[in-house]
N, C-alpha and C. Protein backbone atom coordinates (compact mmCIF):
# COMPACT_ATOMS: atom_id res chain seq x y z
N MET A 1 0.86 -1.19 0.00
CA MET A 1 0.00 0.00 0.00
C MET A 1 0.89 1.24 0.00
N PRO A 2 0.76 2.15 -1.00
CA PRO A 2 1.62 3.33 -1.09
C PRO A 2 1.42 4.32 0.05
N VAL A 3 0.22 4.35 0.66
CA VAL A 3 -0.04 5.28 1.76
C VAL A 3 0.10 4.53 3.07
N THR A 4 1.02 4.99 3.93
CA THR A 4 1.33 4.28 5.17
C THR A 4 1.37 5.25 6.34
N VAL A 5 0.79 4.86 7.47
CA VAL A 5 0.90 5.63 8.70
C VAL A 5 2.20 5.25 9.38
N VAL A 6 3.12 6.20 9.48
CA VAL A 6 4.44 5.92 10.01
C VAL A 6 4.42 5.86 11.53
N ALA A 7 3.77 6.82 12.16
CA ALA A 7 3.76 6.85 13.62
C ALA A 7 2.43 7.36 14.12
N LEU A 8 1.94 6.73 15.16
CA LEU A 8 0.69 7.16 15.76
C LEU A 8 0.78 6.95 17.26
N SER A 9 0.76 8.04 17.99
CA SER A 9 0.91 7.98 19.45
C SER A 9 -0.47 7.94 20.09
N THR A 10 -0.50 7.43 21.29
CA THR A 10 -1.77 7.43 22.04
C THR A 10 -2.05 8.77 22.68
N SER A 11 -1.09 9.69 22.60
CA SER A 11 -1.29 11.02 23.17
C SER A 11 -2.35 11.76 22.36
N THR A 12 -3.20 12.53 23.08
CA THR A 12 -4.26 13.25 22.39
C THR A 12 -3.72 14.40 21.55
N ARG A 13 -2.49 14.84 21.81
CA ARG A 13 -1.92 15.96 21.06
C ARG A 13 -0.99 15.50 19.93
N SER A 14 -0.83 14.24 19.77
CA SER A 14 0.09 13.72 18.76
C SER A 14 -0.57 13.73 17.38
N VAL A 15 0.23 14.03 16.36
CA VAL A 15 -0.24 14.02 14.98
C VAL A 15 0.47 12.91 14.22
N PRO A 16 -0.24 11.98 13.60
CA PRO A 16 0.41 10.88 12.89
C PRO A 16 1.15 11.38 11.65
N ASP A 17 2.26 10.73 11.33
CA ASP A 17 2.99 11.01 10.09
C ASP A 17 2.49 10.05 9.02
N VAL A 18 2.01 10.59 7.90
CA VAL A 18 1.51 9.78 6.80
C VAL A 18 2.52 9.85 5.66
N LEU A 19 3.03 8.72 5.24
CA LEU A 19 4.05 8.66 4.20
C LEU A 19 3.45 8.12 2.91
N PHE A 20 3.61 8.88 1.81
CA PHE A 20 3.15 8.43 0.49
C PHE A 20 4.36 7.96 -0.30
N LEU A 21 4.40 6.67 -0.62
CA LEU A 21 5.53 6.08 -1.33
C LEU A 21 5.38 6.16 -2.84
N GLY A 22 4.19 6.43 -3.32
CA GLY A 22 3.98 6.53 -4.76
C GLY A 22 4.05 5.18 -5.43
N GLY A 23 3.96 5.19 -6.74
CA GLY A 23 4.02 3.94 -7.50
C GLY A 23 3.82 4.20 -8.97
N LEU A 24 4.18 3.22 -9.78
CA LEU A 24 4.05 3.32 -11.23
C LEU A 24 3.18 2.18 -11.74
N ASN A 25 2.45 2.44 -12.82
CA ASN A 25 1.70 1.36 -13.45
C ASN A 25 2.56 0.66 -14.49
N SER A 26 1.97 -0.24 -15.27
CA SER A 26 2.73 -1.02 -16.24
C SER A 26 3.32 -0.17 -17.35
N SER A 27 2.79 1.05 -17.55
CA SER A 27 3.30 1.96 -18.58
C SER A 27 4.29 2.96 -18.01
N ALA A 28 4.78 2.71 -16.80
CA ALA A 28 5.75 3.59 -16.13
C ALA A 28 5.18 4.99 -15.91
N GLU A 29 3.87 5.06 -15.66
CA GLU A 29 3.23 6.33 -15.36
C GLU A 29 2.91 6.38 -13.86
N ALA A 30 3.13 7.52 -13.24
CA ALA A 30 2.83 7.67 -11.82
C ALA A 30 1.33 7.62 -11.60
N LEU A 31 0.93 7.04 -10.47
CA LEU A 31 -0.48 6.88 -10.16
C LEU A 31 -0.89 7.79 -9.02
N ASP A 32 -2.15 8.24 -9.05
CA ASP A 32 -2.74 8.98 -7.95
C ASP A 32 -3.50 7.98 -7.06
N TYR A 33 -3.60 8.29 -5.78
CA TYR A 33 -4.25 7.37 -4.84
C TYR A 33 -5.24 8.13 -3.96
N SER A 34 -6.30 7.40 -3.61
CA SER A 34 -7.26 7.87 -2.60
C SER A 34 -7.29 6.84 -1.48
N HIS A 35 -7.29 7.31 -0.25
CA HIS A 35 -7.23 6.40 0.89
C HIS A 35 -7.99 7.04 2.06
N GLU A 36 -8.26 6.25 3.06
CA GLU A 36 -8.93 6.73 4.26
C GLU A 36 -8.12 6.33 5.49
N LEU A 37 -7.91 7.28 6.37
CA LEU A 37 -7.24 7.03 7.64
C LEU A 37 -8.32 6.94 8.72
N SER A 38 -8.42 5.77 9.30
CA SER A 38 -9.47 5.54 10.29
C SER A 38 -8.89 5.60 11.70
N CYS A 39 -9.46 6.47 12.51
CA CYS A 39 -9.04 6.62 13.91
C CYS A 39 -10.20 6.19 14.80
N THR A 40 -9.97 5.16 15.63
CA THR A 40 -11.04 4.60 16.45
C THR A 40 -10.68 4.72 17.94
N SER A 41 -11.62 5.22 18.67
CA SER A 41 -11.46 5.28 20.13
C SER A 41 -12.55 4.42 20.76
N GLY A 42 -12.62 4.47 22.08
CA GLY A 42 -13.64 3.66 22.74
C GLY A 42 -15.04 4.13 22.45
N LYS A 43 -15.22 5.40 22.11
CA LYS A 43 -16.56 5.94 21.94
C LYS A 43 -16.91 6.31 20.49
N GLU A 44 -15.89 6.60 19.68
CA GLU A 44 -16.19 7.06 18.32
C GLU A 44 -15.13 6.61 17.32
N ARG A 45 -15.48 6.79 16.06
CA ARG A 45 -14.57 6.44 14.95
C ARG A 45 -14.51 7.64 14.00
N ILE A 46 -13.31 8.11 13.74
CA ILE A 46 -13.11 9.26 12.84
C ILE A 46 -12.40 8.79 11.58
N VAL A 47 -12.95 9.17 10.45
CA VAL A 47 -12.36 8.79 9.15
C VAL A 47 -11.81 10.05 8.48
N VAL A 48 -10.53 10.03 8.15
CA VAL A 48 -9.87 11.17 7.49
C VAL A 48 -9.53 10.78 6.05
N PRO A 49 -10.13 11.43 5.04
CA PRO A 49 -9.78 11.10 3.64
C PRO A 49 -8.38 11.60 3.29
N ILE A 50 -7.66 10.80 2.52
CA ILE A 50 -6.31 11.15 2.08
C ILE A 50 -6.25 11.08 0.56
N GLN A 51 -5.79 12.16 -0.07
CA GLN A 51 -5.58 12.19 -1.52
C GLN A 51 -4.08 12.35 -1.77
N ALA A 52 -3.49 11.45 -2.52
CA ALA A 52 -2.06 11.49 -2.82
C ALA A 52 -1.86 11.54 -4.34
N ILE A 53 -1.11 12.52 -4.79
CA ILE A 53 -0.87 12.71 -6.22
C ILE A 53 0.52 12.20 -6.56
N GLY A 54 0.59 11.29 -7.51
CA GLY A 54 1.87 10.73 -7.94
C GLY A 54 2.66 11.72 -8.78
N GLY A 55 3.94 11.42 -8.95
CA GLY A 55 4.80 12.29 -9.75
C GLY A 55 4.35 12.36 -11.19
N ARG A 56 4.64 13.48 -11.84
CA ARG A 56 4.23 13.67 -13.23
C ARG A 56 5.14 14.68 -13.90
N PRO A 57 5.24 14.61 -15.21
CA PRO A 57 6.05 15.61 -15.93
C PRO A 57 5.35 16.96 -15.95
N ILE A 58 6.12 18.03 -15.93
CA ILE A 58 5.60 19.38 -16.07
C ILE A 58 6.45 20.09 -17.12
N LEU A 59 5.86 20.39 -18.25
CA LEU A 59 6.59 21.05 -19.33
C LEU A 59 6.45 22.57 -19.19
N ASP A 60 7.58 23.23 -19.23
CA ASP A 60 7.61 24.68 -19.03
C ASP A 60 7.45 25.39 -20.37
N PHE A 61 6.27 26.00 -20.58
CA PHE A 61 5.97 26.72 -21.81
C PHE A 61 5.43 28.11 -21.46
N PRO A 62 5.77 29.13 -22.25
CA PRO A 62 5.17 30.45 -22.02
C PRO A 62 3.72 30.45 -22.48
N ASP A 63 2.92 31.35 -21.95
CA ASP A 63 1.52 31.47 -22.37
C ASP A 63 1.41 31.99 -23.80
N GLN A 64 2.38 32.83 -24.20
CA GLN A 64 2.36 33.39 -25.55
C GLN A 64 3.79 33.51 -26.07
N LEU A 65 3.94 33.25 -27.36
CA LEU A 65 5.24 33.34 -28.01
C LEU A 65 5.13 34.34 -29.16
N ASP A 66 5.82 35.48 -29.03
CA ASP A 66 5.77 36.53 -30.04
C ASP A 66 7.03 36.49 -30.90
N PHE A 67 6.84 36.43 -32.20
CA PHE A 67 7.95 36.44 -33.13
C PHE A 67 8.24 37.88 -33.58
N PRO A 68 9.51 38.19 -33.85
CA PRO A 68 9.82 39.52 -34.38
C PRO A 68 9.21 39.70 -35.76
N VAL A 69 9.07 40.95 -36.19
CA VAL A 69 8.51 41.23 -37.52
C VAL A 69 9.32 40.47 -38.56
N CYS A 70 8.61 39.75 -39.43
CA CYS A 70 9.25 38.86 -40.40
C CYS A 70 8.87 39.27 -41.82
N ILE A 71 9.78 39.10 -42.74
CA ILE A 71 9.53 39.40 -44.15
C ILE A 71 8.79 38.23 -44.79
N VAL A 72 7.84 38.54 -45.64
CA VAL A 72 7.06 37.50 -46.32
C VAL A 72 7.99 36.54 -47.06
N LYS A 73 7.71 35.23 -46.89
CA LYS A 73 8.46 34.13 -47.49
C LYS A 73 9.84 33.93 -46.88
N CYS A 74 10.15 34.67 -45.82
CA CYS A 74 11.33 34.39 -45.02
C CYS A 74 10.85 33.68 -43.75
N SER A 75 11.75 33.36 -42.84
CA SER A 75 11.35 32.64 -41.64
C SER A 75 12.02 33.20 -40.40
N SER A 76 11.36 32.98 -39.27
CA SER A 76 11.88 33.36 -37.96
C SER A 76 11.66 32.18 -37.03
N GLU A 77 12.61 31.93 -36.09
CA GLU A 77 12.53 30.74 -35.25
C GLU A 77 12.67 31.08 -33.77
N LYS A 78 12.03 30.23 -32.93
CA LYS A 78 12.16 30.30 -31.48
C LYS A 78 12.41 28.88 -30.99
N THR A 79 13.25 28.72 -29.96
CA THR A 79 13.50 27.41 -29.37
C THR A 79 13.08 27.42 -27.91
N LEU A 80 12.48 26.31 -27.48
CA LEU A 80 11.99 26.21 -26.10
C LEU A 80 11.69 24.77 -25.76
N LEU A 81 11.47 24.46 -24.51
CA LEU A 81 10.97 23.23 -23.93
C LEU A 81 11.86 22.78 -22.78
N GLU A 82 11.27 22.64 -21.60
CA GLU A 82 11.97 22.18 -20.42
C GLU A 82 11.01 21.38 -19.55
N ASN A 83 11.48 20.25 -19.02
CA ASN A 83 10.68 19.42 -18.13
C ASN A 83 11.06 19.72 -16.69
N THR A 84 10.18 20.42 -15.97
CA THR A 84 10.45 20.80 -14.58
C THR A 84 9.75 19.85 -13.60
N GLY A 85 9.13 18.79 -14.11
CA GLY A 85 8.44 17.84 -13.24
C GLY A 85 9.38 16.78 -12.71
N ASN A 86 8.79 15.74 -12.10
CA ASN A 86 9.58 14.67 -11.51
C ASN A 86 9.30 13.32 -12.16
N LEU A 87 8.96 13.37 -13.47
CA LEU A 87 8.74 12.15 -14.23
C LEU A 87 9.05 12.42 -15.69
N GLU A 88 9.55 11.41 -16.37
CA GLU A 88 9.87 11.52 -17.80
C GLU A 88 8.62 11.90 -18.60
N ALA A 89 8.79 12.77 -19.59
CA ALA A 89 7.65 13.26 -20.37
C ALA A 89 7.72 12.76 -21.81
N HIS A 90 6.63 12.13 -22.26
CA HIS A 90 6.46 11.78 -23.66
C HIS A 90 5.47 12.80 -24.24
N TYR A 91 5.91 13.61 -25.20
CA TYR A 91 5.10 14.72 -25.66
C TYR A 91 4.82 14.65 -27.16
N GLU A 92 3.77 15.35 -27.55
CA GLU A 92 3.41 15.51 -28.97
C GLU A 92 2.86 16.91 -29.15
N MET A 93 3.38 17.63 -30.16
CA MET A 93 2.98 19.02 -30.38
C MET A 93 2.41 19.20 -31.79
N SER A 94 1.50 20.17 -31.92
CA SER A 94 0.91 20.48 -33.23
C SER A 94 0.54 21.95 -33.28
N THR A 95 0.56 22.50 -34.49
CA THR A 95 0.16 23.89 -34.71
C THR A 95 -0.34 24.02 -36.14
N LYS A 96 -0.59 25.25 -36.57
CA LYS A 96 -1.14 25.50 -37.90
C LYS A 96 -0.25 26.47 -38.67
N SER A 97 -0.36 26.40 -40.01
CA SER A 97 0.38 27.30 -40.89
C SER A 97 -0.03 28.76 -40.61
N PRO A 98 0.92 29.71 -40.66
CA PRO A 98 2.29 29.62 -41.16
C PRO A 98 3.32 29.23 -40.10
N PHE A 99 2.88 28.58 -39.02
CA PHE A 99 3.80 28.13 -37.99
C PHE A 99 4.04 26.63 -38.13
N SER A 100 5.19 26.17 -37.70
CA SER A 100 5.49 24.74 -37.67
C SER A 100 6.41 24.47 -36.49
N VAL A 101 6.50 23.20 -36.06
CA VAL A 101 7.31 22.84 -34.91
C VAL A 101 8.09 21.56 -35.21
N VAL A 102 9.37 21.53 -34.84
CA VAL A 102 10.26 20.39 -35.06
C VAL A 102 11.16 20.22 -33.84
N PRO A 103 11.30 18.99 -33.28
CA PRO A 103 10.52 17.79 -33.60
C PRO A 103 9.13 17.86 -32.98
N ALA A 104 8.16 17.29 -33.66
CA ALA A 104 6.77 17.39 -33.21
C ALA A 104 6.47 16.42 -32.07
N ARG A 105 7.30 15.42 -31.86
CA ARG A 105 7.10 14.46 -30.75
C ARG A 105 8.44 13.98 -30.25
N GLY A 106 8.46 13.53 -28.99
CA GLY A 106 9.71 13.07 -28.42
C GLY A 106 9.55 12.74 -26.95
N THR A 107 10.69 12.50 -26.29
CA THR A 107 10.74 12.17 -24.87
C THR A 107 11.72 13.09 -24.17
N LEU A 108 11.31 13.59 -23.02
CA LEU A 108 12.14 14.53 -22.27
C LEU A 108 12.29 14.02 -20.84
N GLY A 109 13.55 13.79 -20.42
CA GLY A 109 13.80 13.27 -19.09
C GLY A 109 13.58 14.30 -18.01
N ILE A 110 13.64 13.85 -16.76
CA ILE A 110 13.42 14.73 -15.61
C ILE A 110 14.49 15.81 -15.57
N GLY A 111 14.06 17.07 -15.52
CA GLY A 111 14.98 18.20 -15.45
C GLY A 111 15.72 18.50 -16.74
N GLU A 112 15.41 17.79 -17.82
CA GLU A 112 16.12 18.01 -19.08
C GLU A 112 15.52 19.18 -19.86
N THR A 113 16.35 19.77 -20.68
CA THR A 113 15.92 20.82 -21.61
C THR A 113 16.23 20.36 -23.03
N MET A 114 15.27 20.52 -23.91
CA MET A 114 15.45 20.10 -25.30
C MET A 114 15.17 21.27 -26.23
N GLN A 115 15.92 21.33 -27.32
CA GLN A 115 15.70 22.38 -28.31
C GLN A 115 14.57 21.97 -29.24
N VAL A 116 13.42 22.56 -29.04
CA VAL A 116 12.28 22.38 -29.94
C VAL A 116 12.11 23.69 -30.70
N THR A 117 12.16 23.61 -32.01
CA THR A 117 12.14 24.82 -32.84
C THR A 117 10.74 25.09 -33.38
N VAL A 118 10.22 26.26 -33.05
CA VAL A 118 8.95 26.73 -33.60
C VAL A 118 9.29 27.75 -34.69
N LYS A 119 8.86 27.47 -35.92
CA LYS A 119 9.20 28.33 -37.05
C LYS A 119 7.99 29.11 -37.53
N TYR A 120 8.23 30.36 -37.88
CA TYR A 120 7.20 31.24 -38.45
C TYR A 120 7.64 31.60 -39.85
N GLN A 121 6.88 31.15 -40.87
CA GLN A 121 7.23 31.39 -42.27
C GLN A 121 5.98 31.86 -43.03
N PRO A 122 5.70 33.16 -42.97
CA PRO A 122 4.47 33.68 -43.59
C PRO A 122 4.58 33.78 -45.11
N LEU A 123 3.46 33.60 -45.78
CA LEU A 123 3.40 33.72 -47.23
C LEU A 123 2.68 34.99 -47.67
N ARG A 124 2.12 35.72 -46.71
CA ARG A 124 1.47 36.98 -47.04
C ARG A 124 1.59 37.94 -45.86
N THR A 125 1.41 39.22 -46.13
CA THR A 125 1.59 40.24 -45.10
C THR A 125 0.44 40.21 -44.09
N GLY A 126 0.67 40.84 -42.94
CA GLY A 126 -0.36 40.95 -41.91
C GLY A 126 0.00 40.21 -40.64
N ASP A 127 -0.93 40.23 -39.68
CA ASP A 127 -0.76 39.53 -38.40
C ASP A 127 -1.22 38.09 -38.54
N HIS A 128 -0.52 37.19 -37.89
CA HIS A 128 -0.87 35.77 -37.91
C HIS A 128 -0.87 35.23 -36.48
N ASP A 129 -1.92 34.46 -36.16
CA ASP A 129 -2.05 33.85 -34.83
C ASP A 129 -2.46 32.39 -34.99
N ALA A 130 -1.92 31.55 -34.12
CA ALA A 130 -2.27 30.13 -34.12
C ALA A 130 -1.89 29.55 -32.76
N PRO A 131 -2.61 28.50 -32.31
CA PRO A 131 -2.23 27.86 -31.05
C PRO A 131 -1.17 26.79 -31.27
N LEU A 132 -0.27 26.65 -30.31
CA LEU A 132 0.66 25.52 -30.25
C LEU A 132 0.14 24.59 -29.17
N VAL A 133 -0.36 23.42 -29.55
CA VAL A 133 -0.97 22.48 -28.62
C VAL A 133 0.05 21.41 -28.25
N VAL A 134 0.26 21.20 -26.94
CA VAL A 134 1.21 20.21 -26.45
C VAL A 134 0.44 19.19 -25.61
N ARG A 135 0.56 17.91 -26.00
CA ARG A 135 -0.07 16.82 -25.25
C ARG A 135 1.03 15.93 -24.66
N TYR A 136 0.90 15.59 -23.38
CA TYR A 136 1.91 14.76 -22.73
C TYR A 136 1.32 14.10 -21.50
N GLY A 137 2.07 13.13 -20.94
CA GLY A 137 1.63 12.47 -19.72
C GLY A 137 0.29 11.77 -19.89
N ARG A 138 -0.50 11.81 -18.84
CA ARG A 138 -1.82 11.17 -18.86
C ARG A 138 -2.87 12.18 -19.30
N ASP A 139 -2.95 12.40 -20.59
CA ASP A 139 -3.93 13.32 -21.18
C ASP A 139 -3.77 14.75 -20.70
N GLU A 140 -2.53 15.15 -20.35
CA GLU A 140 -2.25 16.54 -20.02
C GLU A 140 -2.14 17.35 -21.31
N THR A 141 -2.76 18.52 -21.34
CA THR A 141 -2.72 19.38 -22.54
C THR A 141 -2.48 20.82 -22.12
N ILE A 142 -1.54 21.47 -22.80
CA ILE A 142 -1.31 22.90 -22.60
C ILE A 142 -1.27 23.57 -23.96
N GLN A 143 -1.57 24.87 -23.98
CA GLN A 143 -1.57 25.63 -25.23
C GLN A 143 -0.74 26.90 -25.07
N THR A 144 0.00 27.22 -26.11
CA THR A 144 0.74 28.47 -26.19
C THR A 144 0.25 29.23 -27.41
N LYS A 145 -0.05 30.50 -27.23
CA LYS A 145 -0.50 31.33 -28.35
C LYS A 145 0.71 31.81 -29.14
N LEU A 146 0.71 31.56 -30.45
CA LEU A 146 1.78 32.01 -31.33
C LEU A 146 1.31 33.24 -32.09
N HIS A 147 2.16 34.26 -32.16
CA HIS A 147 1.80 35.49 -32.87
C HIS A 147 3.00 35.99 -33.67
N GLY A 148 2.72 36.40 -34.90
CA GLY A 148 3.76 36.97 -35.74
C GLY A 148 3.18 38.00 -36.70
N GLU A 149 4.03 38.90 -37.15
CA GLU A 149 3.62 39.93 -38.11
C GLU A 149 4.56 39.86 -39.32
N ALA A 150 3.97 39.88 -40.51
CA ALA A 150 4.76 39.78 -41.73
C ALA A 150 4.62 41.05 -42.56
N ILE A 151 5.74 41.48 -43.16
CA ILE A 151 5.76 42.67 -44.00
C ILE A 151 6.46 42.34 -45.32
N ASP A 152 6.25 43.16 -46.31
CA ASP A 152 6.93 43.02 -47.60
C ASP A 152 8.27 43.74 -47.56
N LEU A 153 9.20 43.27 -48.37
CA LEU A 153 10.45 44.00 -48.56
C LEU A 153 10.19 45.27 -49.35
N ASN A 154 11.01 46.27 -49.12
CA ASN A 154 10.90 47.51 -49.88
C ASN A 154 11.62 47.33 -51.22
N ILE A 155 10.88 46.81 -52.19
CA ILE A 155 11.41 46.56 -53.53
C ILE A 155 10.74 47.53 -54.50
N GLY A 156 11.53 48.19 -55.33
CA GLY A 156 10.97 49.15 -56.27
C GLY A 156 11.36 48.84 -57.70
N LEU A 157 10.51 49.29 -58.63
CA LEU A 157 10.78 49.14 -60.07
C LEU A 157 10.96 50.52 -60.68
N SER A 158 11.78 50.59 -61.71
CA SER A 158 11.99 51.87 -62.39
C SER A 158 10.73 52.32 -63.11
N THR A 159 9.88 51.38 -63.47
CA THR A 159 8.60 51.70 -64.11
C THR A 159 7.62 50.58 -63.82
N TYR A 160 6.35 50.93 -63.71
CA TYR A 160 5.33 49.92 -63.44
C TYR A 160 4.45 49.69 -64.69
N SER A 161 4.92 50.20 -65.81
CA SER A 161 4.23 49.99 -67.07
C SER A 161 5.28 49.94 -68.19
N VAL A 162 5.24 48.89 -68.98
CA VAL A 162 6.21 48.72 -70.07
C VAL A 162 5.45 48.67 -71.39
N GLU A 163 5.83 49.55 -72.31
CA GLU A 163 5.22 49.56 -73.64
C GLU A 163 6.32 49.34 -74.68
N LEU A 164 6.14 48.30 -75.46
CA LEU A 164 7.13 47.95 -76.49
C LEU A 164 6.75 48.59 -77.83
N GLU A 165 7.77 48.97 -78.57
CA GLU A 165 7.54 49.58 -79.87
C GLU A 165 6.99 48.56 -80.87
N LYS A 166 6.34 49.09 -81.91
CA LYS A 166 5.81 48.21 -82.95
C LYS A 166 6.98 47.52 -83.67
N THR A 167 6.73 46.29 -83.99
CA THR A 167 7.77 45.53 -84.68
C THR A 167 7.13 44.59 -85.69
N TYR A 168 7.97 43.93 -86.46
CA TYR A 168 7.49 43.02 -87.50
C TYR A 168 7.47 41.58 -87.00
N ILE A 169 6.68 40.74 -87.61
CA ILE A 169 6.63 39.32 -87.26
C ILE A 169 8.00 38.71 -87.45
N THR A 170 8.40 37.87 -86.49
CA THR A 170 9.69 37.16 -86.44
C THR A 170 10.86 38.08 -86.09
N VAL A 171 10.57 39.36 -85.84
CA VAL A 171 11.64 40.29 -85.46
C VAL A 171 11.56 40.53 -83.94
N LEU A 172 12.71 40.59 -83.28
CA LEU A 172 12.76 40.75 -81.84
C LEU A 172 12.77 42.22 -81.44
N CYS A 173 11.98 42.54 -80.43
CA CYS A 173 11.97 43.90 -79.87
C CYS A 173 12.08 43.79 -78.36
N HIS A 174 12.91 44.61 -77.73
CA HIS A 174 13.07 44.52 -76.27
C HIS A 174 13.26 45.91 -75.67
N THR A 175 13.05 45.98 -74.36
CA THR A 175 13.29 47.21 -73.61
C THR A 175 13.90 46.84 -72.26
N THR A 176 14.33 47.81 -71.49
CA THR A 176 15.03 47.56 -70.22
C THR A 176 14.31 48.27 -69.08
N MET A 177 14.24 47.58 -67.93
CA MET A 177 13.71 48.17 -66.72
C MET A 177 14.62 47.76 -65.56
N VAL A 178 14.51 48.46 -64.42
CA VAL A 178 15.39 48.21 -63.28
C VAL A 178 14.55 47.82 -62.06
N ILE A 179 14.99 46.77 -61.34
CA ILE A 179 14.39 46.39 -60.07
C ILE A 179 15.40 46.72 -58.97
N GLU A 180 14.94 47.42 -57.91
CA GLU A 180 15.85 47.90 -56.88
C GLU A 180 15.43 47.41 -55.50
N ASN A 181 16.39 46.87 -54.75
CA ASN A 181 16.15 46.43 -53.38
C ASN A 181 16.55 47.57 -52.44
N ARG A 182 15.55 48.21 -51.83
CA ARG A 182 15.80 49.36 -50.95
C ARG A 182 15.86 48.96 -49.47
N SER A 183 15.93 47.67 -49.19
CA SER A 183 16.00 47.20 -47.81
C SER A 183 17.42 46.73 -47.49
N ASP A 184 17.62 46.28 -46.26
CA ASP A 184 18.92 45.75 -45.84
C ASP A 184 18.93 44.23 -45.81
N THR A 185 17.97 43.60 -46.51
CA THR A 185 17.87 42.14 -46.58
C THR A 185 18.00 41.68 -48.02
N THR A 186 18.77 40.63 -48.22
CA THR A 186 18.92 40.08 -49.57
C THR A 186 17.60 39.53 -50.06
N ALA A 187 17.23 39.88 -51.27
CA ALA A 187 15.94 39.47 -51.83
C ALA A 187 16.16 38.49 -52.98
N HIS A 188 15.47 37.35 -52.92
CA HIS A 188 15.47 36.38 -54.02
C HIS A 188 14.14 36.55 -54.75
N PHE A 189 14.17 36.81 -56.04
CA PHE A 189 12.93 37.13 -56.73
C PHE A 189 12.81 36.33 -58.02
N GLN A 190 11.59 36.26 -58.51
CA GLN A 190 11.29 35.70 -59.83
C GLN A 190 10.01 36.36 -60.34
N TRP A 191 9.91 36.44 -61.65
CA TRP A 191 8.73 37.05 -62.26
C TRP A 191 7.61 36.02 -62.29
N ARG A 192 6.44 36.40 -61.79
CA ARG A 192 5.29 35.50 -61.73
C ARG A 192 4.08 36.17 -62.36
N THR A 193 3.14 35.34 -62.78
CA THR A 193 1.91 35.86 -63.39
C THR A 193 0.96 36.41 -62.34
N TYR A 194 0.95 35.78 -61.13
CA TYR A 194 0.01 36.16 -60.09
C TYR A 194 0.76 36.70 -58.87
N PRO A 195 0.12 37.53 -58.05
CA PRO A 195 0.82 38.20 -56.95
C PRO A 195 1.26 37.29 -55.80
N ASN A 196 0.59 36.14 -55.59
CA ASN A 196 0.97 35.25 -54.50
C ASN A 196 0.65 33.80 -54.88
N GLU A 197 1.21 32.86 -54.13
CA GLU A 197 1.07 31.44 -54.42
C GLU A 197 -0.37 30.97 -54.24
N GLU A 198 -1.08 31.54 -53.28
CA GLU A 198 -2.47 31.14 -53.04
C GLU A 198 -3.33 31.40 -54.26
N GLU A 199 -3.22 32.60 -54.85
CA GLU A 199 -4.01 32.93 -56.03
C GLU A 199 -3.57 32.09 -57.22
N GLU A 200 -2.26 31.84 -57.32
CA GLU A 200 -1.77 31.02 -58.43
C GLU A 200 -2.30 29.59 -58.35
N ASN A 201 -2.34 29.03 -57.13
CA ASN A 201 -2.86 27.67 -56.95
C ASN A 201 -4.35 27.60 -57.25
N GLN A 202 -5.09 28.66 -56.89
CA GLN A 202 -6.52 28.69 -57.19
C GLN A 202 -6.76 28.70 -58.69
N ARG A 203 -5.95 29.45 -59.42
CA ARG A 203 -6.06 29.50 -60.88
C ARG A 203 -5.75 28.13 -61.49
N LYS A 204 -4.72 27.48 -60.97
CA LYS A 204 -4.34 26.16 -61.49
C LYS A 204 -5.44 25.14 -61.27
N MET A 205 -6.13 25.23 -60.10
CA MET A 205 -7.21 24.30 -59.82
C MET A 205 -8.36 24.47 -60.79
N ARG A 206 -8.58 25.70 -61.26
CA ARG A 206 -9.65 25.94 -62.24
C ARG A 206 -9.33 25.33 -63.59
N TRP A 207 -8.04 25.21 -63.87
CA TRP A 207 -7.63 24.68 -65.18
C TRP A 207 -7.65 23.16 -65.21
N VAL A 208 -7.66 22.52 -64.03
CA VAL A 208 -7.62 21.05 -63.98
C VAL A 208 -8.97 20.47 -64.41
């Protein structure tokens, strides 16, 4: 029996010491116990309920994780995760785009810290919010709010309208324009028909 009365004196002022030894089930998970301490005298019987909570993992997560302002189609990362409990933690995490988490599942020993990377990679400008859901132990669940803001790079063109001169069939005609990166971040670019991948994918689906 995990709950044991260590000492009990016959003195009316004595307080018994109750020792909880704990225990694990077949899956190496700590168990909680309910017990009753019965005190009987010549005239009455007193029952004292005892609740004992077994050891369990406690994962240290912030309530909210704010990412610095990020450029569209670039990424920003945060690392976190620490087990402050007294039992090994088997965890599984999930979130939604434009956020991702790696590794999404694993095991964390008592007092250990692991590098879990939460990535923010927006595909369009604006504010983005999503929950990071962590499941571990015996149906323990915690949530962290993820927040990020995405902006466009300051990219400029020498002209936003190009008009080519009249030419003959099979004859080549060309003109020149300049694209300028006015930011302090290297920009990788390509010419596309549509302004973003979402609209381009929608157009492709219509053609299928």
